[in-house]
């Protein structure tokens, strides 16, 4: 009779594998990875993900900051509320049938800048309305690689030149 070594090369018995043990181990490893990515914060998370898309829906109420200017260019500043709350500064050029603008929104952690073009509906009365498209061209800080596009709608008060603008779009971070 031969003596057979059933212990394997390490001389320790292999523990039996319980049903579901592999699945439990995979879940535990995934939980550790998720906890580690949360613990290192959003800055590291941006390095892990190639791109993140943020759906933006903001409204800005802006007041004219250059009231004595006789030009068709209006400098407006105000607060934005919604997805990206912050301070907005825009340079609007108002034509007979169009409004173009360059804008910067100052956010916690950086800025986002871009341009827009809209069709002006002069209408009647105190307000003129506009609607069109916008593009995000660059940013700074946490938003250094920002790009995106969307639509904007708004009104300009003919008496005060104050503007209200709503922006809806996608921001790639």
N, C-alpha and C. Protein backbone atom coordinates (compact mmCIF):
# COMPACT_ATOMS: atom_id res chain seq x y z
N UNK A 1 0.83 -1.16 0.00
CA UNK A 1 0.00 0.00 0.00
C UNK A 1 0.88 1.23 0.00
N UNK A 2 0.44 2.21 -0.73
CA UNK A 2 1.19 3.45 -0.85
C UNK A 2 0.57 4.51 0.05
N UNK A 3 1.43 5.37 0.59
CA UNK A 3 0.96 6.50 1.38
C UNK A 3 0.80 7.68 0.43
N UNK A 4 -0.41 8.20 0.23
CA UNK A 4 -0.69 9.28 -0.71
C UNK A 4 -0.81 10.60 0.06
N UNK A 5 -0.09 11.62 -0.40
CA UNK A 5 -0.14 12.94 0.23
C UNK A 5 -1.29 13.72 -0.40
N UNK A 6 -2.33 13.95 0.35
CA UNK A 6 -3.51 14.68 -0.15
C UNK A 6 -3.47 16.14 0.23
N UNK A 7 -2.42 16.59 0.86
CA UNK A 7 -2.37 17.96 1.35
C UNK A 7 -1.88 18.96 0.30
N UNK A 8 -1.41 18.54 -0.81
CA UNK A 8 -0.90 19.46 -1.81
C UNK A 8 0.53 19.85 -1.50
N UNK A 9 1.10 20.71 -2.32
CA UNK A 9 2.51 21.03 -2.17
C UNK A 9 2.83 21.82 -0.90
N UNK A 10 1.86 22.49 -0.29
CA UNK A 10 2.15 23.33 0.88
C UNK A 10 1.94 22.58 2.20
N UNK A 11 1.48 21.37 2.13
CA UNK A 11 1.27 20.53 3.30
C UNK A 11 0.20 21.06 4.24
N UNK A 12 -0.66 21.95 3.71
CA UNK A 12 -1.79 22.43 4.50
C UNK A 12 -3.05 22.07 3.75
N UNK A 13 -4.06 21.65 4.45
CA UNK A 13 -5.29 21.28 3.72
C UNK A 13 -5.94 22.52 3.12
N UNK A 14 -6.46 22.39 1.92
CA UNK A 14 -7.19 23.47 1.27
C UNK A 14 -8.57 23.55 1.87
N UNK A 15 -8.95 24.72 2.38
CA UNK A 15 -10.27 24.82 2.99
C UNK A 15 -11.36 24.62 1.94
N UNK A 16 -12.45 24.04 2.33
CA UNK A 16 -13.53 23.86 1.36
C UNK A 16 -14.11 25.22 0.99
N UNK A 17 -14.53 25.39 -0.26
CA UNK A 17 -15.13 26.64 -0.75
C UNK A 17 -16.63 26.54 -0.58
N UNK A 18 -17.17 27.48 0.20
CA UNK A 18 -18.61 27.51 0.43
C UNK A 18 -19.30 28.10 -0.79
N UNK A 19 -20.50 27.67 -1.10
CA UNK A 19 -21.25 28.29 -2.20
C UNK A 19 -21.45 29.77 -1.91
N UNK A 20 -21.21 30.62 -2.89
CA UNK A 20 -21.40 32.06 -2.74
C UNK A 20 -20.19 32.78 -2.16
N UNK A 21 -19.16 32.05 -1.76
CA UNK A 21 -17.99 32.69 -1.16
C UNK A 21 -17.27 33.57 -2.18
N UNK A 22 -17.17 33.11 -3.42
CA UNK A 22 -16.50 33.90 -4.45
C UNK A 22 -17.27 35.19 -4.70
N UNK A 23 -18.58 35.12 -4.79
CA UNK A 23 -19.40 36.32 -5.00
C UNK A 23 -19.25 37.28 -3.83
N UNK A 24 -19.20 36.76 -2.61
CA UNK A 24 -19.03 37.61 -1.43
C UNK A 24 -17.68 38.30 -1.48
N UNK A 25 -16.64 37.59 -1.91
CA UNK A 25 -15.30 38.18 -2.00
C UNK A 25 -15.26 39.29 -3.04
N UNK A 26 -15.90 39.06 -4.19
CA UNK A 26 -15.94 40.08 -5.24
C UNK A 26 -16.66 41.33 -4.74
N UNK A 27 -17.78 41.15 -4.07
CA UNK A 27 -18.53 42.29 -3.52
C UNK A 27 -17.68 43.05 -2.51
N UNK A 28 -16.95 42.31 -1.66
CA UNK A 28 -16.11 42.96 -0.66
C UNK A 28 -15.00 43.77 -1.32
N UNK A 29 -14.36 43.23 -2.36
CA UNK A 29 -13.30 43.96 -3.07
C UNK A 29 -13.88 45.21 -3.73
N UNK A 30 -15.04 45.10 -4.38
CA UNK A 30 -15.67 46.27 -5.01
C UNK A 30 -16.01 47.33 -3.98
N UNK A 31 -16.50 46.91 -2.81
CA UNK A 31 -16.82 47.87 -1.75
C UNK A 31 -15.58 48.60 -1.28
N UNK A 32 -14.46 47.89 -1.17
CA UNK A 32 -13.20 48.53 -0.75
C UNK A 32 -12.73 49.54 -1.80
N UNK A 33 -12.84 49.18 -3.08
CA UNK A 33 -12.44 50.11 -4.14
C UNK A 33 -13.32 51.34 -4.12
N UNK A 34 -14.63 51.16 -3.96
CA UNK A 34 -15.54 52.30 -3.91
C UNK A 34 -15.24 53.18 -2.71
N UNK A 35 -15.00 52.57 -1.55
CA UNK A 35 -14.68 53.36 -0.35
C UNK A 35 -13.39 54.13 -0.54
N UNK A 36 -12.40 53.52 -1.18
CA UNK A 36 -11.13 54.20 -1.41
C UNK A 36 -11.31 55.38 -2.36
N UNK A 37 -12.13 55.23 -3.41
CA UNK A 37 -12.32 56.34 -4.33
C UNK A 37 -13.08 57.48 -3.69
N UNK A 38 -14.00 57.16 -2.77
CA UNK A 38 -14.71 58.22 -2.04
C UNK A 38 -13.76 58.92 -1.08
N UNK A 39 -12.90 58.15 -0.43
CA UNK A 39 -12.01 58.71 0.57
C UNK A 39 -10.98 59.65 -0.04
N UNK A 40 -10.54 59.40 -1.29
CA UNK A 40 -9.52 60.27 -1.87
C UNK A 40 -10.11 61.55 -2.44
N UNK A 41 -11.41 61.63 -2.58
CA UNK A 41 -12.06 62.87 -2.95
C UNK A 41 -12.30 63.01 -4.44
N UNK A 42 -13.01 64.10 -4.82
CA UNK A 42 -13.40 64.30 -6.21
C UNK A 42 -12.23 64.61 -7.13
N UNK A 43 -11.15 65.20 -6.63
CA UNK A 43 -10.02 65.52 -7.51
C UNK A 43 -9.43 64.25 -8.09
N UNK A 44 -9.26 63.23 -7.27
CA UNK A 44 -8.73 61.97 -7.76
C UNK A 44 -9.75 61.24 -8.62
N UNK A 45 -11.01 61.40 -8.31
CA UNK A 45 -12.05 60.75 -9.11
C UNK A 45 -12.02 61.26 -10.55
N UNK A 46 -11.69 62.56 -10.76
CA UNK A 46 -11.60 63.09 -12.11
C UNK A 46 -10.45 62.45 -12.87
N UNK A 47 -9.38 62.07 -12.16
CA UNK A 47 -8.26 61.42 -12.82
C UNK A 47 -8.63 60.00 -13.23
N UNK A 48 -9.52 59.36 -12.46
CA UNK A 48 -9.91 58.00 -12.75
C UNK A 48 -10.84 57.96 -13.96
N UNK A 49 -11.78 58.88 -14.04
CA UNK A 49 -12.75 58.91 -15.14
C UNK A 49 -12.24 59.81 -16.25
N UNK A 50 -12.37 59.38 -17.47
CA UNK A 50 -11.91 60.16 -18.60
C UNK A 50 -12.72 61.44 -18.75
N UNK A 51 -14.01 61.37 -18.59
CA UNK A 51 -14.85 62.55 -18.72
C UNK A 51 -16.13 62.34 -17.94
N UNK A 52 -16.68 63.45 -17.46
CA UNK A 52 -17.93 63.40 -16.74
C UNK A 52 -18.84 64.44 -17.36
N UNK A 53 -20.09 64.09 -17.58
CA UNK A 53 -21.04 65.03 -18.18
C UNK A 53 -22.01 65.47 -17.10
N UNK A 54 -22.13 66.78 -16.98
CA UNK A 54 -23.05 67.38 -16.01
C UNK A 54 -24.17 68.05 -16.79
N UNK A 55 -25.40 67.69 -16.50
CA UNK A 55 -26.56 68.33 -17.13
C UNK A 55 -26.82 69.61 -16.34
N UNK A 56 -26.78 70.73 -17.03
CA UNK A 56 -26.87 72.05 -16.39
C UNK A 56 -28.23 72.67 -16.66
N UNK A 57 -28.82 73.24 -15.62
CA UNK A 57 -30.05 74.01 -15.73
C UNK A 57 -29.91 75.17 -14.75
N UNK A 58 -29.50 76.33 -15.23
CA UNK A 58 -29.23 77.50 -14.40
C UNK A 58 -30.05 78.69 -14.86
N UNK A 59 -30.32 79.57 -13.91
CA UNK A 59 -30.97 80.84 -14.22
C UNK A 59 -30.14 81.95 -13.61
N UNK A 60 -29.90 83.00 -14.38
CA UNK A 60 -29.13 84.15 -13.90
C UNK A 60 -29.98 85.41 -14.00
N UNK A 61 -29.94 86.20 -12.93
CA UNK A 61 -30.59 87.52 -12.92
C UNK A 61 -29.46 88.54 -12.87
N UNK A 62 -29.33 89.31 -13.94
CA UNK A 62 -28.18 90.20 -14.07
C UNK A 62 -28.62 91.65 -14.20
N UNK A 63 -27.78 92.52 -13.68
CA UNK A 63 -28.04 93.96 -13.78
C UNK A 63 -26.95 94.61 -14.61
N UNK A 64 -27.31 95.69 -15.24
CA UNK A 64 -26.40 96.45 -16.08
C UNK A 64 -25.34 97.14 -15.22
N UNK A 65 -24.07 96.98 -15.58
CA UNK A 65 -23.00 97.62 -14.81
C UNK A 65 -22.38 98.81 -15.52
N UNK A 66 -22.72 99.04 -16.80
CA UNK A 66 -22.21 100.20 -17.53
C UNK A 66 -23.37 101.06 -18.05
N UNK A 67 -24.19 101.63 -17.15
CA UNK A 67 -25.38 102.35 -17.60
C UNK A 67 -25.09 103.63 -18.39
N UNK A 68 -23.92 104.21 -18.24
CA UNK A 68 -23.65 105.45 -18.95
C UNK A 68 -23.10 105.22 -20.36
N UNK A 69 -22.87 103.97 -20.72
CA UNK A 69 -22.34 103.66 -22.04
C UNK A 69 -23.39 103.87 -23.12
N UNK A 70 -22.97 104.50 -24.21
CA UNK A 70 -23.88 104.75 -25.33
C UNK A 70 -23.77 103.64 -26.37
N UNK A 71 -22.91 102.64 -26.14
CA UNK A 71 -22.71 101.59 -27.13
C UNK A 71 -23.82 100.53 -27.04
N UNK A 72 -23.82 99.65 -28.02
CA UNK A 72 -24.79 98.55 -28.03
C UNK A 72 -24.27 97.37 -27.20
N UNK A 73 -23.12 97.53 -26.55
CA UNK A 73 -22.56 96.47 -25.71
C UNK A 73 -22.94 96.72 -24.27
N UNK A 74 -23.58 95.72 -23.68
CA UNK A 74 -24.02 95.82 -22.29
C UNK A 74 -23.14 94.90 -21.44
N UNK A 75 -22.63 95.42 -20.33
CA UNK A 75 -21.91 94.61 -19.37
C UNK A 75 -22.89 94.30 -18.24
N UNK A 76 -23.16 93.04 -18.05
CA UNK A 76 -24.14 92.61 -17.05
C UNK A 76 -23.46 91.71 -16.03
N UNK A 77 -23.87 91.84 -14.77
CA UNK A 77 -23.37 90.97 -13.70
C UNK A 77 -24.53 90.55 -12.83
N UNK A 78 -24.42 89.36 -12.24
CA UNK A 78 -25.48 88.89 -11.36
C UNK A 78 -25.19 87.52 -10.79
N UNK A 79 -26.21 86.96 -10.17
CA UNK A 79 -26.11 85.64 -9.53
C UNK A 79 -26.79 84.58 -10.38
N UNK A 80 -26.13 83.44 -10.46
CA UNK A 80 -26.72 82.28 -11.12
C UNK A 80 -27.14 81.29 -10.05
N UNK A 81 -28.30 80.70 -10.23
CA UNK A 81 -28.78 79.67 -9.32
C UNK A 81 -29.09 78.42 -10.14
N UNK A 82 -29.05 77.28 -9.51
CA UNK A 82 -29.34 76.03 -10.19
C UNK A 82 -28.20 75.05 -10.03
N UNK A 83 -27.85 74.36 -11.10
CA UNK A 83 -26.83 73.33 -11.07
C UNK A 83 -25.46 73.87 -10.69
N UNK A 84 -25.09 75.03 -11.24
CA UNK A 84 -23.79 75.65 -10.99
C UNK A 84 -23.98 77.05 -10.42
N UNK A 85 -24.29 77.16 -9.14
CA UNK A 85 -24.51 78.49 -8.57
C UNK A 85 -23.21 79.28 -8.49
N UNK A 86 -23.30 80.55 -8.79
CA UNK A 86 -22.12 81.41 -8.74
C UNK A 86 -22.44 82.80 -9.23
N UNK A 87 -21.40 83.56 -9.50
CA UNK A 87 -21.53 84.92 -10.01
C UNK A 87 -21.26 84.90 -11.51
N UNK A 88 -22.09 85.61 -12.28
CA UNK A 88 -21.96 85.65 -13.73
C UNK A 88 -21.60 87.05 -14.17
N UNK A 89 -20.70 87.12 -15.14
CA UNK A 89 -20.39 88.39 -15.80
C UNK A 89 -20.49 88.13 -17.30
N UNK A 90 -21.29 88.94 -17.97
CA UNK A 90 -21.50 88.76 -19.41
C UNK A 90 -21.36 90.09 -20.13
N UNK A 91 -20.87 90.01 -21.36
CA UNK A 91 -20.73 91.17 -22.24
C UNK A 91 -21.65 90.90 -23.43
N UNK A 92 -22.81 91.56 -23.43
CA UNK A 92 -23.83 91.34 -24.45
C UNK A 92 -23.76 92.42 -25.52
N UNK A 93 -23.80 92.02 -26.77
CA UNK A 93 -23.90 92.95 -27.88
C UNK A 93 -25.27 92.74 -28.50
N UNK A 94 -26.07 93.77 -28.46
CA UNK A 94 -27.46 93.69 -28.91
C UNK A 94 -27.57 94.36 -30.27
N UNK A 95 -28.03 93.60 -31.26
CA UNK A 95 -28.28 94.13 -32.59
C UNK A 95 -29.77 94.25 -32.83
N UNK A 96 -30.14 94.57 -34.07
CA UNK A 96 -31.56 94.73 -34.41
C UNK A 96 -32.33 93.42 -34.24
N UNK A 97 -31.70 92.29 -34.62
CA UNK A 97 -32.38 91.00 -34.55
C UNK A 97 -31.57 89.92 -33.82
N UNK A 98 -30.49 90.31 -33.17
CA UNK A 98 -29.65 89.30 -32.53
C UNK A 98 -29.00 89.82 -31.25
N UNK A 99 -28.58 88.86 -30.43
CA UNK A 99 -27.81 89.14 -29.22
C UNK A 99 -26.64 88.15 -29.21
N UNK A 100 -25.43 88.66 -29.09
CA UNK A 100 -24.27 87.79 -28.91
C UNK A 100 -23.65 88.15 -27.57
N UNK A 101 -22.98 87.17 -26.97
CA UNK A 101 -22.41 87.43 -25.65
C UNK A 101 -21.21 86.53 -25.39
N UNK A 102 -20.29 87.08 -24.63
CA UNK A 102 -19.22 86.30 -24.02
C UNK A 102 -19.53 86.29 -22.54
N UNK A 103 -19.28 85.18 -21.86
CA UNK A 103 -19.65 85.11 -20.45
C UNK A 103 -18.62 84.35 -19.65
N UNK A 104 -18.58 84.63 -18.37
CA UNK A 104 -17.78 83.87 -17.41
C UNK A 104 -18.62 83.70 -16.16
N UNK A 105 -18.67 82.46 -15.65
CA UNK A 105 -19.33 82.21 -14.38
C UNK A 105 -18.24 81.86 -13.37
N UNK A 106 -18.26 82.55 -12.25
CA UNK A 106 -17.27 82.37 -11.19
C UNK A 106 -17.87 81.43 -10.15
N UNK A 107 -17.27 80.24 -10.04
CA UNK A 107 -17.78 79.19 -9.17
C UNK A 107 -16.78 78.91 -8.06
N UNK A 108 -17.24 78.21 -7.05
CA UNK A 108 -16.32 77.74 -6.02
C UNK A 108 -15.38 76.74 -6.70
N UNK A 109 -14.11 77.03 -6.71
CA UNK A 109 -13.15 76.11 -7.30
C UNK A 109 -12.72 76.44 -8.72
N UNK A 110 -13.23 77.52 -9.32
CA UNK A 110 -12.79 77.87 -10.66
C UNK A 110 -13.81 78.67 -11.44
N UNK A 111 -13.55 78.80 -12.73
CA UNK A 111 -14.44 79.56 -13.61
C UNK A 111 -14.77 78.73 -14.85
N UNK A 112 -15.86 79.12 -15.50
CA UNK A 112 -16.26 78.54 -16.79
C UNK A 112 -16.57 79.71 -17.71
N UNK A 113 -16.01 79.68 -18.93
CA UNK A 113 -16.22 80.78 -19.88
C UNK A 113 -16.69 80.24 -21.22
N UNK A 114 -17.39 81.11 -21.96
CA UNK A 114 -17.86 80.71 -23.27
C UNK A 114 -18.50 81.86 -24.02
N UNK A 115 -19.29 81.52 -25.00
CA UNK A 115 -19.92 82.50 -25.88
C UNK A 115 -21.34 82.01 -26.23
N UNK A 116 -22.15 82.95 -26.68
CA UNK A 116 -23.51 82.59 -27.08
C UNK A 116 -23.97 83.47 -28.23
N UNK A 117 -24.95 82.98 -28.92
CA UNK A 117 -25.57 83.71 -30.02
C UNK A 117 -27.07 83.42 -29.97
N UNK A 118 -27.86 84.46 -30.07
CA UNK A 118 -29.31 84.28 -29.95
C UNK A 118 -30.05 85.21 -30.91
N UNK A 119 -31.24 84.79 -31.25
CA UNK A 119 -32.13 85.61 -32.06
C UNK A 119 -32.95 86.47 -31.12
N UNK A 120 -33.01 87.75 -31.42
CA UNK A 120 -33.75 88.71 -30.60
C UNK A 120 -35.17 88.87 -31.14
N UNK A 121 -36.13 88.77 -30.25
CA UNK A 121 -37.53 89.04 -30.58
C UNK A 121 -37.88 90.35 -29.89
N UNK A 122 -37.86 91.46 -30.66
CA UNK A 122 -38.06 92.77 -30.01
C UNK A 122 -39.41 92.91 -29.31
N UNK A 123 -40.42 92.22 -29.82
CA UNK A 123 -41.73 92.29 -29.17
C UNK A 123 -42.22 93.71 -28.97
N UNK A 124 -43.15 93.85 -28.04
CA UNK A 124 -43.70 95.17 -27.70
C UNK A 124 -43.65 95.34 -26.21
N UNK A 125 -43.60 96.55 -25.77
CA UNK A 125 -43.64 96.80 -24.34
C UNK A 125 -42.26 96.86 -23.71
N UNK A 126 -42.23 96.54 -22.42
CA UNK A 126 -41.04 96.74 -21.60
C UNK A 126 -39.93 95.70 -21.86
N UNK A 127 -40.29 94.50 -22.32
CA UNK A 127 -39.31 93.42 -22.44
C UNK A 127 -39.12 92.96 -23.88
N UNK A 128 -37.87 92.64 -24.21
CA UNK A 128 -37.53 91.94 -25.45
C UNK A 128 -37.04 90.56 -25.03
N UNK A 129 -37.33 89.55 -25.82
CA UNK A 129 -36.89 88.20 -25.47
C UNK A 129 -35.88 87.70 -26.49
N UNK A 130 -35.12 86.70 -26.11
CA UNK A 130 -34.15 86.10 -27.02
C UNK A 130 -34.00 84.62 -26.72
N UNK A 131 -33.54 83.88 -27.71
CA UNK A 131 -33.27 82.45 -27.56
C UNK A 131 -32.22 82.03 -28.55
N UNK A 132 -31.35 81.11 -28.13
CA UNK A 132 -30.29 80.67 -29.03
C UNK A 132 -29.43 79.59 -28.42
N UNK A 133 -28.18 79.56 -28.84
CA UNK A 133 -27.26 78.51 -28.41
C UNK A 133 -26.03 79.11 -27.73
N UNK A 134 -25.36 78.25 -26.96
CA UNK A 134 -24.13 78.68 -26.31
C UNK A 134 -23.11 77.57 -26.36
N UNK A 135 -21.86 77.96 -26.20
CA UNK A 135 -20.77 77.00 -26.14
C UNK A 135 -19.82 77.36 -25.02
N UNK A 136 -19.37 76.36 -24.30
CA UNK A 136 -18.35 76.57 -23.26
C UNK A 136 -17.01 76.28 -23.91
N UNK A 137 -16.11 77.26 -23.83
CA UNK A 137 -14.83 77.12 -24.51
C UNK A 137 -13.68 76.76 -23.59
N UNK A 138 -13.74 77.17 -22.33
CA UNK A 138 -12.65 76.86 -21.41
C UNK A 138 -13.07 77.15 -19.98
N UNK A 139 -12.18 76.81 -19.07
CA UNK A 139 -12.42 77.06 -17.66
C UNK A 139 -11.10 77.16 -16.92
N UNK A 140 -11.19 77.27 -15.61
CA UNK A 140 -9.98 77.31 -14.78
C UNK A 140 -10.24 76.51 -13.51
N UNK A 141 -9.17 76.21 -12.79
CA UNK A 141 -9.31 75.47 -11.54
C UNK A 141 -9.90 74.09 -11.78
N UNK A 142 -10.90 73.73 -10.99
CA UNK A 142 -11.55 72.42 -11.14
C UNK A 142 -12.20 72.26 -12.50
N UNK A 143 -12.43 73.36 -13.20
CA UNK A 143 -13.12 73.34 -14.49
C UNK A 143 -12.18 73.61 -15.65
N UNK A 144 -10.87 73.37 -15.45
CA UNK A 144 -9.85 73.71 -16.45
C UNK A 144 -10.10 73.05 -17.80
N UNK A 145 -10.70 71.88 -17.84
CA UNK A 145 -10.91 71.18 -19.10
C UNK A 145 -12.38 71.19 -19.52
N UNK A 146 -13.11 72.16 -19.02
CA UNK A 146 -14.55 72.23 -19.31
C UNK A 146 -14.82 72.54 -20.78
N UNK A 147 -15.83 71.88 -21.30
CA UNK A 147 -16.36 72.18 -22.63
C UNK A 147 -17.82 71.79 -22.60
N UNK A 148 -18.57 72.31 -23.55
CA UNK A 148 -19.97 71.94 -23.58
C UNK A 148 -20.78 72.82 -24.49
N UNK A 149 -22.06 72.52 -24.53
CA UNK A 149 -22.98 73.31 -25.36
C UNK A 149 -24.37 73.24 -24.76
N UNK A 150 -25.20 74.15 -25.22
CA UNK A 150 -26.55 74.16 -24.71
C UNK A 150 -27.38 75.24 -25.37
N UNK A 151 -28.52 75.50 -24.75
CA UNK A 151 -29.44 76.51 -25.24
C UNK A 151 -29.66 77.55 -24.16
N UNK A 152 -29.97 78.76 -24.58
CA UNK A 152 -30.28 79.80 -23.62
C UNK A 152 -31.52 80.56 -24.07
N UNK A 153 -32.24 81.05 -23.08
CA UNK A 153 -33.46 81.82 -23.30
C UNK A 153 -33.43 82.96 -22.31
N UNK A 154 -33.99 84.08 -22.69
CA UNK A 154 -34.00 85.16 -21.72
C UNK A 154 -34.79 86.37 -22.15
N UNK A 155 -34.75 87.36 -21.27
CA UNK A 155 -35.40 88.65 -21.53
C UNK A 155 -34.46 89.78 -21.15
N UNK A 156 -34.65 90.90 -21.82
CA UNK A 156 -33.94 92.14 -21.49
C UNK A 156 -35.01 93.20 -21.23
N UNK A 157 -34.91 93.85 -20.09
CA UNK A 157 -35.82 94.93 -19.76
C UNK A 157 -35.37 96.17 -20.53
N UNK A 158 -36.24 96.71 -21.36
CA UNK A 158 -35.87 97.87 -22.20
C UNK A 158 -35.60 99.13 -21.37
N UNK A 159 -36.22 99.26 -20.21
CA UNK A 159 -36.04 100.46 -19.39
C UNK A 159 -34.76 100.43 -18.57
N UNK A 160 -34.39 99.26 -18.05
CA UNK A 160 -33.22 99.16 -17.17
C UNK A 160 -32.04 98.44 -17.81
N UNK A 161 -32.28 97.74 -18.92
CA UNK A 161 -31.30 96.88 -19.59
C UNK A 161 -30.86 95.70 -18.73
N UNK A 162 -31.57 95.40 -17.66
CA UNK A 162 -31.28 94.21 -16.86
C UNK A 162 -31.75 92.99 -17.64
N UNK A 163 -31.05 91.86 -17.42
CA UNK A 163 -31.36 90.65 -18.17
C UNK A 163 -31.59 89.48 -17.24
N UNK A 164 -32.48 88.60 -17.66
CA UNK A 164 -32.68 87.31 -17.00
C UNK A 164 -32.44 86.25 -18.06
N UNK A 165 -31.59 85.27 -17.73
CA UNK A 165 -31.19 84.26 -18.71
C UNK A 165 -31.32 82.88 -18.09
N UNK A 166 -31.92 81.94 -18.83
CA UNK A 166 -31.95 80.54 -18.43
C UNK A 166 -31.09 79.76 -19.39
N UNK A 167 -30.23 78.87 -18.83
CA UNK A 167 -29.33 78.05 -19.63
C UNK A 167 -29.61 76.58 -19.34
N UNK A 168 -29.72 75.79 -20.40
CA UNK A 168 -29.90 74.34 -20.28
C UNK A 168 -28.91 73.70 -21.24
N UNK A 169 -28.10 72.75 -20.73
CA UNK A 169 -27.13 72.11 -21.62
C UNK A 169 -26.32 71.06 -20.91
N UNK A 170 -25.28 70.60 -21.59
CA UNK A 170 -24.36 69.58 -21.08
C UNK A 170 -22.97 70.16 -20.94
N UNK A 171 -22.37 69.94 -19.79
CA UNK A 171 -21.02 70.41 -19.52
C UNK A 171 -20.13 69.19 -19.35
N UNK A 172 -19.08 69.11 -20.14
CA UNK A 172 -18.12 68.00 -20.06
C UNK A 172 -16.96 68.45 -19.18
N UNK A 173 -16.71 67.68 -18.13
CA UNK A 173 -15.64 68.03 -17.19
C UNK A 173 -14.50 67.03 -17.29
